C-alpha atoms as a PDB file:
ATOM      1  CA  MET A   1      94.938 -88.117  -7.812  1.00  0.00           C
ATOM      2  CA  PRO A   2      97.243 -90.102 -10.058  1.00  0.00           C
ATOM      3  CA  GLY A   3     100.841 -88.998  -9.758  1.00  0.00           C
ATOM      4  CA  ALA A   4     100.146 -86.861  -6.716  1.00  0.00           C
ATOM      5  CA  PRO A   5     102.617 -87.496  -3.818  1.00  0.00           C
ATOM      6  CA  PRO A   6     101.000 -89.101  -0.772  1.00  0.00           C
ATOM      7  CA  ILE A   7      99.893 -86.694   1.961  1.00  0.00           C
ATOM      8  CA  SER A   8     100.873 -87.479   5.521  1.00  0.00           C
ATOM      9  CA  SER A   9      98.423 -87.318   8.432  1.00  0.00           C
ATOM     10  CA  SER A  10     100.132 -84.229   9.861  1.00  0.00           C
ATOM     11  CA  GLN A  11      99.963 -82.513   6.412  1.00  0.00           C
ATOM     12  CA  HIS A  12      96.330 -83.425   6.226  1.00  0.00           C
ATOM     13  CA  ILE A  13      95.581 -82.022   9.703  1.00  0.00           C
ATOM     14  CA  ARG A  14      97.565 -78.788   8.879  1.00  0.00           C
ATOM     15  CA  ARG A  15      95.554 -78.548   5.712  1.00  0.00           C
ATOM     16  CA  LEU A  16      92.273 -78.828   7.631  1.00  0.00           C
ATOM     17  CA  LEU A  17      93.390 -76.312  10.202  1.00  0.00           C
ATOM     18  CA  ARG A  18      94.497 -73.825   7.531  1.00  0.00           C
ATOM     19  CA  HIS A  19      90.986 -74.009   5.990  1.00  0.00           C
ATOM     20  CA  ALA A  20      89.375 -73.530   9.394  1.00  0.00           C
ATOM     21  CA  GLN A  21      91.612 -70.591  10.404  1.00  0.00           C
ATOM     22  CA  ASN A  22      91.890 -68.783   7.034  1.00  0.00           C
ATOM     23  CA  MET A  23      88.507 -69.303   5.474  1.00  0.00           C
ATOM     24  CA  GLN A  24      86.291 -70.256   8.466  1.00  0.00           C
ATOM     25  CA  THR A  25      84.888 -72.963   6.120  1.00  0.00           C
ATOM     26  CA  LYS A  26      85.585 -76.689   5.899  1.00  0.00           C
ATOM     27  CA  PRO A  27      87.406 -78.341   3.067  1.00  0.00           C
ATOM     28  CA  ASP A  28      85.679 -80.465   0.522  1.00  0.00           C
ATOM     29  CA  ILE A  29      86.389 -84.183   0.145  1.00  0.00           C
ATOM     30  CA  SER A  30      89.032 -84.418  -2.516  1.00  0.00           C
ATOM     31  CA  LEU A  31      91.794 -86.647  -1.268  1.00  0.00           C
ATOM     32  CA  PRO A  32      92.133 -90.262  -0.052  1.00  0.00           C
ATOM     33  CA  ALA A  33      93.213 -88.752   3.304  1.00  0.00           C
ATOM     34  CA  ASP A  34      89.798 -87.016   3.431  1.00  0.00           C
ATOM     35  CA  ILE A  35      88.152 -90.303   2.931  1.00  0.00           C
ATOM     36  CA  ARG A  36      90.180 -91.937   5.736  1.00  0.00           C
ATOM     37  CA  LEU A  37      89.324 -89.059   8.063  1.00  0.00           C
ATOM     38  CA  LEU A  38      85.601 -89.273   7.278  1.00  0.00           C
ATOM     39  CA  ILE A  39      85.496 -93.134   7.569  1.00  0.00           C
ATOM     40  CA  ASP A  40      87.542 -93.183  10.762  1.00  0.00           C
ATOM     41  CA  THR A  41      85.332 -90.452  12.357  1.00  0.00           C
ATOM     42  CA  PHE A  42      82.081 -92.211  11.242  1.00  0.00           C
ATOM     43  CA  TYR A  43      83.062 -95.611  12.528  1.00  0.00           C
ATOM     44  CA  GLU A  44      84.144 -94.272  15.914  1.00  0.00           C
ATOM     45  CA  LYS A  45      80.516 -93.039  16.172  1.00  0.00           C
ATOM     46  CA  VAL A  46      79.176 -96.422  14.975  1.00  0.00           C
ATOM     47  CA  LYS A  47      81.232 -98.423  17.465  1.00  0.00           C
ATOM     48  CA  ASN A  48      79.812 -96.432  20.346  1.00  0.00           C
ATOM     49  CA  ASP A  49      76.236 -95.995  19.088  1.00  0.00           C
ATOM     50  CA  GLU A  50      73.381 -97.323  21.164  1.00  0.00           C
ATOM     51  CA  VAL A  51      71.260 -98.177  18.150  1.00  0.00           C
ATOM     52  CA  ILE A  52      73.703 -99.956  15.743  1.00  0.00           C
ATOM     53  CA  GLY A  53      77.025-100.363  17.673  1.00  0.00           C
ATOM     54  CA  TYR A  54      76.104-103.797  18.991  1.00  0.00           C
ATOM     55  CA  ILE A  55      75.537-105.054  15.410  1.00  0.00           C
ATOM     56  CA  PHE A  56      79.126-104.137  14.489  1.00  0.00           C
ATOM     57  CA  ASN A  57      80.722-105.034  17.796  1.00  0.00           C
ATOM     58  CA  ASP A  58      78.797-108.059  19.010  1.00  0.00           C
ATOM     59  CA  VAL A  59      76.941-109.579  16.033  1.00  0.00           C
ATOM     60  CA  ALA A  60      79.300-109.059  13.154  1.00  0.00           C
ATOM     61  CA  ASN A  61      82.383-108.913  15.372  1.00  0.00           C
ATOM     62  CA  VAL A  62      83.956-106.551  12.835  1.00  0.00           C
ATOM     63  CA  ASN A  63      87.709-106.845  12.415  1.00  0.00           C
ATOM     64  CA  TRP A  64      88.339-103.144  12.204  1.00  0.00           C
ATOM     65  CA  GLU A  65      91.917-103.569  10.837  1.00  0.00           C
ATOM     66  CA  HIS A  66      90.377-105.334   7.800  1.00  0.00           C
ATOM     67  CA  HIS A  67      87.039-103.455   7.553  1.00  0.00           C
ATOM     68  CA  LEU A  68      88.346 -99.916   7.495  1.00  0.00           C
ATOM     69  CA  PRO A  69      90.625-100.200   4.432  1.00  0.00           C
ATOM     70  CA  VAL A  70      87.783-101.851   2.608  1.00  0.00           C
ATOM     71  CA  MET A  71      85.575 -98.885   3.479  1.00  0.00           C
ATOM     72  CA  TYR A  72      88.311 -96.485   2.484  1.00  0.00           C
ATOM     73  CA  ALA A  73      88.406 -98.189  -0.943  1.00  0.00           C
ATOM     74  CA  PHE A  74      84.644 -98.262  -1.295  1.00  0.00           C
ATOM     75  CA  TRP A  75      84.232 -94.564  -0.711  1.00  0.00           C
ATOM     76  CA  GLU A  76      87.289 -93.659  -2.825  1.00  0.00           C
ATOM     77  CA  PHE A  77      85.594 -95.545  -5.595  1.00  0.00           C
ATOM     78  CA  LEU A  78      82.371 -93.674  -5.120  1.00  0.00           C
ATOM     79  CA  LEU A  79      83.670 -90.164  -4.364  1.00  0.00           C
ATOM     80  CA  LEU A  80      87.076 -89.917  -5.985  1.00  0.00           C
ATOM     81  CA  ASP A  81      86.273 -91.889  -9.135  1.00  0.00           C
ATOM     82  CA  ASN A  82      89.045 -94.404  -8.331  1.00  0.00           C
ATOM     83  CA  ALA A  83      87.661 -97.325 -10.371  1.00  0.00           C
ATOM     84  CA  ASP A  84      90.405 -99.679  -9.216  1.00  0.00           C
ATOM     85  CA  ALA A  85      89.930 -98.924  -5.508  1.00  0.00           C
ATOM     86  CA  TYR A  86      87.132-101.295  -4.648  1.00  0.00           C
ATOM     87  CA  ARG A  87      86.096-104.805  -5.701  1.00  0.00           C
ATOM     88  CA  GLY A  88      83.427-106.435  -3.634  1.00  0.00           C
ATOM     89  CA  ASN A  89      79.835-107.412  -3.076  1.00  0.00           C
ATOM     90  CA  PRO A  90      78.672-105.395  -0.117  1.00  0.00           C
ATOM     91  CA  ILE A  91      75.048-106.484  -0.421  1.00  0.00           C
ATOM     92  CA  GLN A  92      75.991-110.134   0.045  1.00  0.00           C
ATOM     93  CA  LYS A  93      77.929-109.438   3.170  1.00  0.00           C
ATOM     94  CA  HIS A  94      74.912-107.658   4.545  1.00  0.00           C
ATOM     95  CA  LEU A  95      72.523-110.444   3.510  1.00  0.00           C
ATOM     96  CA  ASP A  96      74.859-112.918   5.402  1.00  0.00           C
ATOM     97  CA  LEU A  97      74.709-110.682   8.474  1.00  0.00           C
ATOM     98  CA  HIS A  98      70.928-110.368   8.095  1.00  0.00           C
ATOM     99  CA  ALA A  99      70.660-114.177   8.239  1.00  0.00           C
ATOM    100  CA  ARG A 100      72.272-113.953  11.731  1.00  0.00           C
ATOM    101  CA  HIS A 101      70.481-110.876  13.019  1.00  0.00           C
ATOM    102  CA  ALA A 102      67.644-109.062  11.303  1.00  0.00           C
ATOM    103  CA  LEU A 103      68.627-105.647   9.920  1.00  0.00           C
ATOM    104  CA  LYS A 104      65.778-103.177  10.162  1.00  0.00           C
ATOM    105  CA  ALA A 105      64.991 -99.899   8.493  1.00  0.00           C
ATOM    106  CA  ALA A 106      65.827 -98.121  11.746  1.00  0.00           C
ATOM    107  CA  HIS A 107      69.335 -99.554  11.624  1.00  0.00           C
ATOM    108  CA  PHE A 108      69.830 -98.084   8.167  1.00  0.00           C
ATOM    109  CA  ASP A 109      68.326 -94.790   9.168  1.00  0.00           C
ATOM    110  CA  ARG A 110      70.711 -94.548  12.095  1.00  0.00           C
ATOM    111  CA  TRP A 111      73.702 -95.485   9.868  1.00  0.00           C
ATOM    112  CA  LEU A 112      72.734 -92.744   7.465  1.00  0.00           C
ATOM    113  CA  ALA A 113      72.345 -90.144  10.318  1.00  0.00           C
ATOM    114  CA  LEU A 114      75.757 -90.945  11.716  1.00  0.00           C
ATOM    115  CA  PHE A 115      77.427 -90.873   8.283  1.00  0.00           C
ATOM    116  CA  GLN A 116      75.755 -87.638   7.250  1.00  0.00           C
ATOM    117  CA  SER A 117      76.607 -85.894  10.553  1.00  0.00           C
ATOM    118  CA  SER A 118      80.258 -87.085  10.218  1.00  0.00           C
ATOM    119  CA  VAL A 119      80.377 -85.446   6.771  1.00  0.00           C
ATOM    120  CA  ASP A 120      78.797 -82.247   8.007  1.00  0.00           C
ATOM    121  CA  GLU A 121      81.312 -82.034  10.913  1.00  0.00           C
ATOM    122  CA  LEU A 122      84.294 -82.321   8.739  1.00  0.00           C
ATOM    123  CA  PHE A 123      83.608 -81.180   5.153  1.00  0.00           C
ATOM    124  CA  GLU A 124      81.510 -79.017   2.942  1.00  0.00           C
ATOM    125  CA  GLY A 125      81.198 -78.597  -0.795  1.00  0.00           C
ATOM    126  CA  PRO A 126      80.028 -80.595  -3.858  1.00  0.00           C
ATOM    127  CA  SER A 127      81.915 -83.794  -2.853  1.00  0.00           C
ATOM    128  CA  ALA A 128      80.637 -83.667   0.659  1.00  0.00           C
ATOM    129  CA  GLU A 129      77.123 -83.300  -0.614  1.00  0.00           C
ATOM    130  CA  ASN A 130      77.722 -86.156  -3.085  1.00  0.00           C
ATOM    131  CA  ALA A 131      78.970 -88.338  -0.127  1.00  0.00           C
ATOM    132  CA  LYS A 132      75.762 -87.595   1.830  1.00  0.00           C
ATOM    133  CA  PHE A 133      73.606 -88.365  -1.271  1.00  0.00           C
ATOM    134  CA  ARG A 134      75.473 -91.604  -1.991  1.00  0.00           C
ATOM    135  CA  ALA A 135      74.972 -92.717   1.609  1.00  0.00           C
ATOM    136  CA  PHE A 136      71.290 -91.830   1.354  1.00  0.00           C
ATOM    137  CA  ALA A 137      70.980 -93.776  -1.885  1.00  0.00           C
ATOM    138  CA  VAL A 138      72.633 -96.838  -0.357  1.00  0.00           C
ATOM    139  CA  SER A 139      70.417 -96.688   2.662  1.00  0.00           C
ATOM    140  CA  GLU A 140      67.170 -96.150   0.756  1.00  0.00           C
ATOM    141  CA  THR A 141      68.048 -98.910  -1.797  1.00  0.00           C
ATOM    142  CA  TRP A 142      69.008-101.469   0.804  1.00  0.00           C
ATOM    143  CA  LYS A 143      66.236-100.910   3.362  1.00  0.00           C
ATOM    144  CA  PRO A 144      63.605-102.688   1.368  1.00  0.00           C
ATOM    145  CA  LYS A 145      65.893-105.658   0.853  1.00  0.00           C
ATOM    146  CA  PHE A 146      66.047-106.236   4.576  1.00  0.00           C
ATOM    147  CA  ASP A 147      62.901-104.799   6.182  1.00  0.00           C
ATOM    148  CA  GLY A 148      59.309-104.710   4.884  1.00  0.00           C
ATOM    149  CA  PRO A 149      56.944-106.812   2.771  1.00  0.00           C
ATOM    150  CA  PHE A 150      59.541-107.593   0.025  1.00  0.00           C
ATOM    151  CA  ALA A 151      62.524-108.194   2.309  1.00  0.00           C
ATOM    152  CA  HIS A 152      64.787-111.099   2.107  1.00  0.00           C
ATOM    153  CA  VAL A 153      63.793-113.634   4.782  1.00  0.00           C
ATOM    154  CA  PRO A 154      66.651-115.871   6.041  1.00  0.00           C
ATOM    155  CA  ALA A 155      65.883-119.609   5.412  1.00  0.00           C
ATOM    156  CA  ASP A 156      65.901-120.385   9.151  1.00  0.00           C
ATOM    157  CA  ALA A 157      63.641-117.477  10.167  1.00  0.00           C
ATOM    158  CA  ASN A 158      60.584-119.660  10.423  1.00  0.00           C
ATOM    159  CA  GLN A 159      62.144-122.340  12.658  1.00  0.00           C
END
């Protein structure tokens, strides 16, 4: 929120606990700190996942110190209407990765399941539902670009 003071991690944790204790419900996604918590939780699952973890850890060799802030910005752009948060071309980065290791529909399905379960563990409300829908839309839009009869085939795939 423009002009709002930054919220510390301990304030954010207290806020989440207050919601859990007082209302027995989860907060909705409304602050950059919420996005950070969601993305950190999600990528901890990804790193350790038997289906897609190796893609991030071994194939892409993700630099997490660089990648996580980019993901915070991407999801702030999508969920908090922060138009200045993200500038990038995520599809090209994934096409580059696909040229090194084929990304399949099952990889996107697993990514989506991990993301949506992370949202459900931490949040509820309209923004949480929007986050799950946006992740679904990304997954369903990107799957045909990587897997199936109309997928992008890397130039060296036939060698």
